[in-house]
Amino acid sequence: MSAGGLAQPHPSECTIHIAMKPFDQRGVTRVMGGSEALCVGVLIVEDELLIRMDTASVIEDAGFAVYEASSADEAIHILEKHQDIRFIFTDVHMPGSMDGLKLAHYVRGRWPPIKIIVTSGRVKVREEDLPSGGVFFDKQGNLVYRKTARNFNPVVAMCGKVTVAEVEQIVENGALDPDLVHTPGIFVQRLVLNAKPEKRIEQRTVRAKN
């Protein structure tokens, strides 16, 4: 199996253990550059669509209104339109006129009250490179599954309040191709390394002929 960031397991099989969270019926608005928010707004700036959607889902569950942008230019446009945004969560590597780190400094200068979280699965951002009050969040725990292990595990991982992934291999941060990640690290809280798991359901049984 494979996970990322602090540990990015390499393609293989993976078992996921979760603690289910209660259904949340709070009403929140999710917008892609439009609509009015119902509560405190969080802007997610991420060019990878699936990662952005998964992150938005988690933040919505926490009770925030979510705005989404795929580039720094789009993020600035959304910030100019919506005064309810109090947090920005941005990836470092993005297309456009500036990357996430430059965007973070731009936001700090133009909208000082906004809280800034910078994230990356490829590089470590030093504290001195962040804008004042900014926080760096390492994308850890990205998972890649092998063959039938990807049937249900990706869905189950997103249902857990706490997800513990048992993995066969942990690789260095950035070793996984982002396009091949099945479960983004934001859904994974713990990794357990088991290099030689017992795979009972995968063992073949051959009956003797009568």
C-alpha atoms as a PDB file:
ATOM      1  CA  MET A   1       0.000   0.000   0.000  1.00  0.00           C
ATOM      2  CA  SER A   2       1.174   3.555  -0.076  1.00  0.00           C
ATOM      3  CA  ALA A   3       0.910   6.636   2.115  1.00  0.00           C
ATOM      4  CA  GLY A   4       2.487  10.078   1.948  1.00  0.00           C
ATOM      5  CA  GLY A   5       4.145  13.092   3.560  1.00  0.00           C
ATOM      6  CA  LEU A   6       5.717  12.069   6.863  1.00  0.00           C
ATOM      7  CA  ALA A   7       5.223   8.682   5.362  1.00  0.00           C
ATOM      8  CA  GLN A   8       4.028   8.021   1.844  1.00  0.00           C
ATOM      9  CA  PRO A   9       3.554   4.253   1.579  1.00  0.00           C
ATOM     10  CA  HIS A  10       4.378   2.757  -1.819  1.00  0.00           C
ATOM     11  CA  PRO A  11       1.831   0.846  -3.992  1.00  0.00           C
ATOM     12  CA  SER A  12       0.732  -2.262  -2.201  1.00  0.00           C
ATOM     13  CA  GLU A  13      -2.184  -3.441  -0.113  1.00  0.00           C
ATOM     14  CA  CYS A  14      -3.609  -1.532   2.808  1.00  0.00           C
ATOM     15  CA  THR A  15      -6.056  -2.207   5.618  1.00  0.00           C
ATOM     16  CA  ILE A  16      -7.952   0.703   7.135  1.00  0.00           C
ATOM     17  CA  HIS A  17      -9.450   0.801  10.635  1.00  0.00           C
ATOM     18  CA  ILE A  18     -11.815   3.671  11.391  1.00  0.00           C
ATOM     19  CA  ALA A  19     -13.919   5.180  14.149  1.00  0.00           C
ATOM     20  CA  MET A  20     -17.184   6.342  12.621  1.00  0.00           C
ATOM     21  CA  LYS A  21     -18.336   9.894  13.188  1.00  0.00           C
ATOM     22  CA  PRO A  22     -21.997  10.854  13.739  1.00  0.00           C
ATOM     23  CA  PHE A  23     -24.008  12.282  10.865  1.00  0.00           C
ATOM     24  CA  ASP A  24     -23.828  16.078  10.852  1.00  0.00           C
ATOM     25  CA  GLN A  25     -26.954  17.930   9.734  1.00  0.00           C
ATOM     26  CA  ARG A  26     -25.569  21.443  10.024  1.00  0.00           C
ATOM     27  CA  GLY A  27     -26.305  23.585   6.966  1.00  0.00           C
ATOM     28  CA  VAL A  28     -23.221  24.970   5.268  1.00  0.00           C
ATOM     29  CA  THR A  29     -22.659  26.569   1.897  1.00  0.00           C
ATOM     30  CA  ARG A  30     -20.060  25.244  -0.508  1.00  0.00           C
ATOM     31  CA  VAL A  31     -19.222  27.514  -3.427  1.00  0.00           C
ATOM     32  CA  MET A  32     -16.810  27.566  -6.333  1.00  0.00           C
ATOM     33  CA  GLY A  33     -16.213  31.295  -6.571  1.00  0.00           C
ATOM     34  CA  GLY A  34     -19.854  32.236  -6.045  1.00  0.00           C
ATOM     35  CA  SER A  35     -22.951  32.198  -3.779  1.00  0.00           C
ATOM     36  CA  GLU A  36     -23.278  33.621  -0.309  1.00  0.00           C
ATOM     37  CA  ALA A  37     -21.806  31.804   2.679  1.00  0.00           C
ATOM     38  CA  LEU A  38     -23.842  31.028   5.790  1.00  0.00           C
ATOM     39  CA  CYS A  39     -20.973  31.212   8.302  1.00  0.00           C
ATOM     40  CA  VAL A  40     -17.228  31.837   8.652  1.00  0.00           C
ATOM     41  CA  GLY A  41     -15.598  31.262   5.286  1.00  0.00           C
ATOM     42  CA  VAL A  42     -12.543  29.150   4.433  1.00  0.00           C
ATOM     43  CA  LEU A  43     -10.844  29.481   1.049  1.00  0.00           C
ATOM     44  CA  ILE A  44      -9.125  26.342  -0.273  1.00  0.00           C
ATOM     45  CA  VAL A  45      -6.545  26.969  -2.998  1.00  0.00           C
ATOM     46  CA  GLU A  46      -5.512  23.676  -4.629  1.00  0.00           C
ATOM     47  CA  ASP A  47      -5.054  22.818  -8.313  1.00  0.00           C
ATOM     48  CA  GLU A  48      -5.648  19.074  -7.812  1.00  0.00           C
ATOM     49  CA  LEU A  49      -9.438  18.728  -8.142  1.00  0.00           C
ATOM     50  CA  LEU A  50      -9.934  15.570  -6.062  1.00  0.00           C
ATOM     51  CA  ILE A  51      -7.700  16.783  -3.233  1.00  0.00           C
ATOM     52  CA  ARG A  52      -9.510  20.120  -3.233  1.00  0.00           C
ATOM     53  CA  MET A  53     -12.925  18.454  -3.110  1.00  0.00           C
ATOM     54  CA  ASP A  54     -11.896  16.078  -0.327  1.00  0.00           C
ATOM     55  CA  THR A  55     -10.434  18.931   1.729  1.00  0.00           C
ATOM     56  CA  ALA A  56     -13.568  20.994   1.192  1.00  0.00           C
ATOM     57  CA  SER A  57     -15.716  18.116   2.423  1.00  0.00           C
ATOM     58  CA  VAL A  58     -13.726  17.773   5.653  1.00  0.00           C
ATOM     59  CA  ILE A  59     -13.852  21.510   6.374  1.00  0.00           C
ATOM     60  CA  GLU A  60     -17.572  21.637   5.622  1.00  0.00           C
ATOM     61  CA  ASP A  61     -18.115  18.887   8.175  1.00  0.00           C
ATOM     62  CA  ALA A  62     -16.419  21.135  10.737  1.00  0.00           C
ATOM     63  CA  GLY A  63     -19.147  23.741  10.151  1.00  0.00           C
ATOM     64  CA  PHE A  64     -17.438  26.261   7.861  1.00  0.00           C
ATOM     65  CA  ALA A  65     -18.521  27.746   4.547  1.00  0.00           C
ATOM     66  CA  VAL A  66     -16.076  26.651   1.857  1.00  0.00           C
ATOM     67  CA  TYR A  67     -14.808  28.531  -1.189  1.00  0.00           C
ATOM     68  CA  GLU A  68     -12.602  26.798  -3.755  1.00  0.00           C
ATOM     69  CA  ALA A  69      -9.938  28.098  -6.131  1.00  0.00           C
ATOM     70  CA  SER A  70      -7.536  26.266  -8.441  1.00  0.00           C
ATOM     71  CA  SER A  71      -4.969  29.079  -8.721  1.00  0.00           C
ATOM     72  CA  ALA A  72      -3.705  32.149  -6.877  1.00  0.00           C
ATOM     73  CA  ASP A  73      -5.363  34.468  -9.410  1.00  0.00           C
ATOM     74  CA  GLU A  74      -8.742  32.845  -8.855  1.00  0.00           C
ATOM     75  CA  ALA A  75      -8.200  32.960  -5.084  1.00  0.00           C
ATOM     76  CA  ILE A  76      -7.559  36.716  -5.139  1.00  0.00           C
ATOM     77  CA  HIS A  77     -10.718  37.243  -7.178  1.00  0.00           C
ATOM     78  CA  ILE A  78     -12.762  35.276  -4.618  1.00  0.00           C
ATOM     79  CA  LEU A  79     -11.196  37.183  -1.704  1.00  0.00           C
ATOM     80  CA  GLU A  80     -12.155  40.467  -3.332  1.00  0.00           C
ATOM     81  CA  LYS A  81     -15.798  39.362  -3.574  1.00  0.00           C
ATOM     82  CA  HIS A  82     -16.360  37.666  -0.209  1.00  0.00           C
ATOM     83  CA  GLN A  83     -15.774  39.455   3.078  1.00  0.00           C
ATOM     84  CA  ASP A  84     -16.696  36.438   5.221  1.00  0.00           C
ATOM     85  CA  ILE A  85     -13.456  34.558   4.450  1.00  0.00           C
ATOM     86  CA  ARG A  86     -11.337  34.304   7.609  1.00  0.00           C
ATOM     87  CA  PHE A  87      -9.012  31.419   6.709  1.00  0.00           C
ATOM     88  CA  ILE A  88      -7.052  30.461   3.603  1.00  0.00           C
ATOM     89  CA  PHE A  89      -5.669  26.961   3.062  1.00  0.00           C
ATOM     90  CA  THR A  90      -3.255  26.930   0.099  1.00  0.00           C
ATOM     91  CA  ASP A  91      -0.978  24.414  -1.588  1.00  0.00           C
ATOM     92  CA  VAL A  92       2.535  25.593  -2.502  1.00  0.00           C
ATOM     93  CA  HIS A  93       2.785  24.232  -6.059  1.00  0.00           C
ATOM     94  CA  MET A  94       0.167  25.734  -8.385  1.00  0.00           C
ATOM     95  CA  PRO A  95      -0.069  27.102 -11.930  1.00  0.00           C
ATOM     96  CA  GLY A  96      -0.591  30.799 -12.605  1.00  0.00           C
ATOM     97  CA  SER A  97       1.103  34.094 -11.820  1.00  0.00           C
ATOM     98  CA  MET A  98       2.247  33.046  -8.322  1.00  0.00           C
ATOM     99  CA  ASP A  99       2.644  29.922  -6.204  1.00  0.00           C
ATOM    100  CA  GLY A 100       0.974  29.298  -2.852  1.00  0.00           C
ATOM    101  CA  LEU A 101       3.797  30.815  -0.810  1.00  0.00           C
ATOM    102  CA  LYS A 102       3.721  34.065  -2.773  1.00  0.00           C
ATOM    103  CA  LEU A 103      -0.065  34.068  -2.479  1.00  0.00           C
ATOM    104  CA  ALA A 104       0.235  33.706   1.299  1.00  0.00           C
ATOM    105  CA  HIS A 105       2.481  36.782   1.513  1.00  0.00           C
ATOM    106  CA  TYR A 106       0.161  38.722  -0.800  1.00  0.00           C
ATOM    107  CA  VAL A 107      -2.862  37.862   1.349  1.00  0.00           C
ATOM    108  CA  ARG A 108      -1.022  38.848   4.536  1.00  0.00           C
ATOM    109  CA  GLY A 109      -0.228  42.269   3.073  1.00  0.00           C
ATOM    110  CA  ARG A 110      -3.683  42.972   1.620  1.00  0.00           C
ATOM    111  CA  TRP A 111      -5.954  41.165   4.098  1.00  0.00           C
ATOM    112  CA  PRO A 112      -3.996  41.092   7.411  1.00  0.00           C
ATOM    113  CA  PRO A 113      -6.745  39.529   9.607  1.00  0.00           C
ATOM    114  CA  ILE A 114      -7.013  36.361   7.483  1.00  0.00           C
ATOM    115  CA  LYS A 115      -5.401  33.262   9.013  1.00  0.00           C
ATOM    116  CA  ILE A 116      -3.083  31.447   6.590  1.00  0.00           C
ATOM    117  CA  ILE A 117      -2.242  27.744   6.314  1.00  0.00           C
ATOM    118  CA  VAL A 118       0.312  26.681   3.684  1.00  0.00           C
ATOM    119  CA  THR A 119       0.553  23.008   2.746  1.00  0.00           C
ATOM    120  CA  SER A 120       2.714  20.808   0.520  1.00  0.00           C
ATOM    121  CA  GLY A 121       3.426  17.156  -0.113  1.00  0.00           C
ATOM    122  CA  ARG A 122       6.664  17.901  -1.962  1.00  0.00           C
ATOM    123  CA  VAL A 123       8.664  20.444   0.043  1.00  0.00           C
ATOM    124  CA  LYS A 124       9.134  21.529   3.639  1.00  0.00           C
ATOM    125  CA  VAL A 125       8.490  25.239   4.107  1.00  0.00           C
ATOM    126  CA  ARG A 126      10.648  26.898   6.746  1.00  0.00           C
ATOM    127  CA  GLU A 127       9.017  29.125   9.346  1.00  0.00           C
ATOM    128  CA  GLU A 128      11.074  32.120   8.208  1.00  0.00           C
ATOM    129  CA  ASP A 129       9.681  31.725   4.660  1.00  0.00           C
ATOM    130  CA  LEU A 130       6.074  31.965   5.853  1.00  0.00           C
ATOM    131  CA  PRO A 131       4.214  35.268   6.235  1.00  0.00           C
ATOM    132  CA  SER A 132       3.738  36.561   9.760  1.00  0.00           C
ATOM    133  CA  GLY A 133       1.319  34.287  11.630  1.00  0.00           C
ATOM    134  CA  GLY A 134       1.321  31.704   8.834  1.00  0.00           C
ATOM    135  CA  VAL A 135       1.363  27.970   9.555  1.00  0.00           C
ATOM    136  CA  PHE A 136       2.825  25.151   7.434  1.00  0.00           C
ATOM    137  CA  PHE A 137       0.923  21.856   7.233  1.00  0.00           C
ATOM    138  CA  ASP A 138       2.728  18.858   5.756  1.00  0.00           C
ATOM    139  CA  LYS A 139       0.598  16.608   3.533  1.00  0.00           C
ATOM    140  CA  GLN A 140       1.255  13.324   5.275  1.00  0.00           C
ATOM    141  CA  GLY A 141      -0.355   9.948   4.862  1.00  0.00           C
ATOM    142  CA  ASN A 142      -1.288   9.883   1.160  1.00  0.00           C
ATOM    143  CA  LEU A 143      -2.323   6.322   0.338  1.00  0.00           C
ATOM    144  CA  VAL A 144      -2.011   4.205  -2.796  1.00  0.00           C
ATOM    145  CA  TYR A 145      -3.747   0.822  -2.921  1.00  0.00           C
ATOM    146  CA  ARG A 146      -2.930  -2.255  -4.973  1.00  0.00           C
ATOM    147  CA  LYS A 147      -5.551  -4.064  -7.033  1.00  0.00           C
ATOM    148  CA  THR A 148      -8.714  -5.036  -5.083  1.00  0.00           C
ATOM    149  CA  ALA A 149      -7.566  -3.106  -1.995  1.00  0.00           C
ATOM    150  CA  ARG A 150      -8.780   0.046  -3.738  1.00  0.00           C
ATOM    151  CA  ASN A 151     -12.377  -1.219  -4.033  1.00  0.00           C
ATOM    152  CA  PHE A 152     -13.688   0.009  -0.672  1.00  0.00           C
ATOM    153  CA  ASN A 153     -10.761   1.409   1.318  1.00  0.00           C
ATOM    154  CA  PRO A 154     -10.759   4.900  -0.293  1.00  0.00           C
ATOM    155  CA  VAL A 155     -14.453   5.377   0.519  1.00  0.00           C
ATOM    156  CA  VAL A 156     -14.188   3.935   4.020  1.00  0.00           C
ATOM    157  CA  ALA A 157     -11.206   6.167   4.860  1.00  0.00           C
ATOM    158  CA  MET A 158     -13.290   9.279   4.164  1.00  0.00           C
ATOM    159  CA  CYS A 159     -16.010   8.131   6.592  1.00  0.00           C
ATOM    160  CA  GLY A 160     -13.788   7.983   9.649  1.00  0.00           C
ATOM    161  CA  LYS A 161     -13.287  10.565  12.354  1.00  0.00           C
ATOM    162  CA  VAL A 162      -9.963   8.824  13.023  1.00  0.00           C
ATOM    163  CA  THR A 163      -8.453   6.713  10.231  1.00  0.00           C
ATOM    164  CA  VAL A 164      -5.572   4.336  10.989  1.00  0.00           C
ATOM    165  CA  ALA A 165      -3.967   2.821   7.881  1.00  0.00           C
ATOM    166  CA  GLU A 166      -1.932  -0.377   8.057  1.00  0.00           C
ATOM    167  CA  VAL A 167       0.643  -0.144   5.276  1.00  0.00           C
ATOM    168  CA  GLU A 168       3.260  -2.411   3.743  1.00  0.00           C
ATOM    169  CA  GLN A 169       5.716   0.325   2.874  1.00  0.00           C
ATOM    170  CA  ILE A 170       6.356   3.970   3.786  1.00  0.00           C
ATOM    171  CA  VAL A 171       8.222   6.125   1.282  1.00  0.00           C
ATOM    172  CA  GLU A 172       9.764   9.583   1.440  1.00  0.00           C
ATOM    173  CA  ASN A 173       7.703  12.733   1.100  1.00  0.00           C
ATOM    174  CA  GLY A 174       7.118  13.516  -2.589  1.00  0.00           C
ATOM    175  CA  ALA A 175       7.886   9.989  -3.816  1.00  0.00           C
ATOM    176  CA  LEU A 176       4.289   9.332  -4.863  1.00  0.00           C
ATOM    177  CA  ASP A 177       2.890  10.720  -8.098  1.00  0.00           C
ATOM    178  CA  PRO A 178       0.004  13.023  -7.005  1.00  0.00           C
ATOM    179  CA  ASP A 179      -2.091  11.701  -9.901  1.00  0.00           C
ATOM    180  CA  LEU A 180      -1.884   8.163  -8.479  1.00  0.00           C
ATOM    181  CA  VAL A 181      -2.932   8.945  -4.890  1.00  0.00           C
ATOM    182  CA  HIS A 182      -6.187   7.159  -3.979  1.00  0.00           C
ATOM    183  CA  THR A 183      -6.670   8.631  -0.470  1.00  0.00           C
ATOM    184  CA  PRO A 184      -5.334  12.132   0.322  1.00  0.00           C
ATOM    185  CA  GLY A 185      -3.421  12.433   3.590  1.00  0.00           C
ATOM    186  CA  ILE A 186      -5.997  14.799   5.084  1.00  0.00           C
ATOM    187  CA  PHE A 187      -8.155  11.708   5.762  1.00  0.00           C
ATOM    188  CA  VAL A 188      -5.360   9.732   7.459  1.00  0.00           C
ATOM    189  CA  GLN A 189      -4.475  10.363  11.115  1.00  0.00           C
ATOM    190  CA  ARG A 190      -2.220   7.360  11.858  1.00  0.00           C
ATOM    191  CA  LEU A 191       0.050   4.975   9.928  1.00  0.00           C
ATOM    192  CA  VAL A 192       0.993   1.480  11.123  1.00  0.00           C
ATOM    193  CA  LEU A 193       3.818  -0.252   9.234  1.00  0.00           C
ATOM    194  CA  ASN A 194       3.420  -3.994   8.639  1.00  0.00           C
ATOM    195  CA  ALA A 195       5.922  -5.026   5.969  1.00  0.00           C
ATOM    196  CA  LYS A 196       4.786  -8.669   5.836  1.00  0.00           C
ATOM    197  CA  PRO A 197       1.065  -8.842   6.640  1.00  0.00           C
ATOM    198  CA  GLU A 198      -0.819 -12.123   6.737  1.00  0.00           C
ATOM    199  CA  LYS A 199      -3.238 -11.988   3.810  1.00  0.00           C
ATOM    200  CA  ARG A 200      -5.669 -14.747   4.608  1.00  0.00           C
ATOM    201  CA  ILE A 201      -8.266 -13.817   2.011  1.00  0.00           C
ATOM    202  CA  GLU A 202      -5.653 -13.858  -0.738  1.00  0.00           C
ATOM    203  CA  GLN A 203      -4.451 -17.396  -0.160  1.00  0.00           C
ATOM    204  CA  ARG A 204      -5.401 -19.883  -2.849  1.00  0.00           C
ATOM    205  CA  THR A 205      -7.006 -23.182  -1.901  1.00  0.00           C
ATOM    206  CA  VAL A 206      -6.874 -26.100  -4.317  1.00  0.00           C
ATOM    207  CA  ARG A 207      -9.129 -29.087  -3.754  1.00  0.00           C
ATOM    208  CA  ALA A 208      -7.955 -32.563  -4.593  1.00  0.00           C
ATOM    209  CA  LYS A 209      -9.935 -34.217  -7.406  1.00  0.00           C
ATOM    210  CA  ASN A 210     -12.285 -37.041  -6.392  1.00  0.00           C
END
